[in-house]
């Protein structure tokens, strides 16, 4: 009799764990859908503009568009880091 009750309790615990994991997965999927909807609402990024004809030889030697893209990425990362660091300092001050 105790063996049957123990098995039923074990099955019930497994059912509850599975339900919690399913709810957590649905919540994460909802967050991902919301984030994707937010990203889809953003406008498309324009291409790097063509430089004047006199600099064609320079762009053939030095990849200016790659350098500008790398600098833009570095500035974005720096601003993101600064924003997160400021927010964490504010949280620590509370």
Protein backbone atom coordinates (compact mmCIF):
# COMPACT_ATOMS: atom_id res chain seq x y z
CA UNK A 1 0.00 0.00 0.00
CA UNK A 2 2.78 2.44 0.86
CA UNK A 3 4.56 1.53 -2.35
CA UNK A 4 1.49 2.52 -4.38
CA UNK A 5 1.14 5.84 -2.51
CA UNK A 6 4.83 6.57 -2.92
CA UNK A 7 4.60 5.90 -6.64
CA UNK A 8 1.50 8.12 -6.96
CA UNK A 9 3.26 10.93 -5.09
CA UNK A 10 6.32 10.54 -7.29
CA UNK A 11 4.17 10.70 -10.42
CA UNK A 12 2.36 13.78 -9.09
CA UNK A 13 5.67 15.56 -8.40
CA UNK A 14 6.83 14.70 -11.91
CA UNK A 15 3.57 16.09 -13.32
CA UNK A 16 3.97 19.34 -11.37
CA UNK A 17 7.60 19.74 -12.49
CA UNK A 18 6.63 19.14 -16.10
CA UNK A 19 3.83 21.70 -15.81
CA UNK A 20 6.22 24.30 -14.34
CA UNK A 21 8.77 23.70 -17.09
CA UNK A 22 6.04 24.03 -19.73
CA UNK A 23 4.85 27.32 -18.21
CA UNK A 24 8.42 28.65 -18.02
CA UNK A 25 9.04 27.67 -21.65
CA UNK A 26 5.82 29.39 -22.75
CA UNK A 27 6.85 32.55 -20.85
CA UNK A 28 10.31 32.56 -22.49
CA UNK A 29 8.74 31.96 -25.89
CA UNK A 30 6.39 34.89 -25.29
CA UNK A 31 9.33 37.13 -24.41
CA UNK A 32 11.14 36.05 -27.57
CA UNK A 33 8.04 36.75 -29.66
CA UNK A 34 7.70 40.19 -28.06
CA UNK A 35 11.37 40.96 -28.69
CA UNK A 36 11.06 39.81 -32.31
CA UNK A 37 7.99 42.01 -32.80
CA UNK A 38 9.96 44.96 -31.42
CA UNK A 39 12.87 44.27 -33.76
CA UNK A 40 10.53 43.89 -36.73
CA UNK A 41 9.09 47.34 -35.98
CA UNK A 42 12.50 48.98 -36.43
CA UNK A 43 13.34 50.42 -39.84
CA UNK A 44 15.87 48.70 -42.07
CA UNK A 45 19.48 49.81 -41.87
CA UNK A 46 20.69 51.70 -44.93
CA UNK A 47 23.74 50.54 -46.84
CA UNK A 48 27.04 52.36 -46.46
CA UNK A 49 26.99 55.23 -48.97
CA UNK A 50 29.31 55.20 -51.93
CA UNK A 51 32.29 57.49 -51.63
CA UNK A 52 33.17 60.03 -54.34
CA UNK A 53 34.98 58.73 -57.42
CA UNK A 54 38.37 60.09 -56.39
CA UNK A 55 38.53 57.74 -53.41
CA UNK A 56 37.79 54.52 -55.31
CA UNK A 57 41.44 53.54 -55.23
CA UNK A 58 41.55 54.18 -51.47
CA UNK A 59 38.56 51.95 -50.81
CA UNK A 60 40.20 49.24 -52.87
CA UNK A 61 43.28 49.33 -50.61
CA UNK A 62 41.65 50.17 -47.26
CA UNK A 63 38.18 48.74 -46.53
CA UNK A 64 36.59 51.96 -45.28
CA UNK A 65 33.07 50.53 -45.00
CA UNK A 66 34.36 47.73 -42.77
CA UNK A 67 36.27 50.20 -40.61
CA UNK A 68 33.21 52.45 -40.25
CA UNK A 69 31.03 49.43 -39.40
CA UNK A 70 33.55 48.25 -36.78
CA UNK A 71 33.74 51.71 -35.24
CA UNK A 72 29.94 51.92 -35.13
CA UNK A 73 29.80 48.53 -33.40
CA UNK A 74 32.45 49.62 -30.88
CA UNK A 75 30.57 52.84 -30.09
CA UNK A 76 27.34 50.88 -29.67
CA UNK A 77 29.01 48.43 -27.30
CA UNK A 78 30.60 51.27 -25.32
CA UNK A 79 27.27 53.08 -24.95
CA UNK A 80 25.53 49.85 -23.97
CA UNK A 81 28.20 49.09 -21.38
CA UNK A 82 27.99 52.61 -19.99
CA UNK A 83 24.20 52.42 -19.73
CA UNK A 84 24.27 49.04 -18.00
CA UNK A 85 27.04 50.14 -15.63
CA UNK A 86 25.07 53.26 -14.70
CA UNK A 87 21.90 51.24 -14.09
CA UNK A 88 23.81 48.76 -11.92
CA UNK A 89 25.32 51.61 -9.89
CA UNK A 90 21.84 53.01 -9.30
CA UNK A 91 20.60 49.61 -8.18
CA UNK A 92 23.57 49.29 -5.81
CA UNK A 93 22.81 52.73 -4.37
CA UNK A 94 19.31 51.63 -3.41
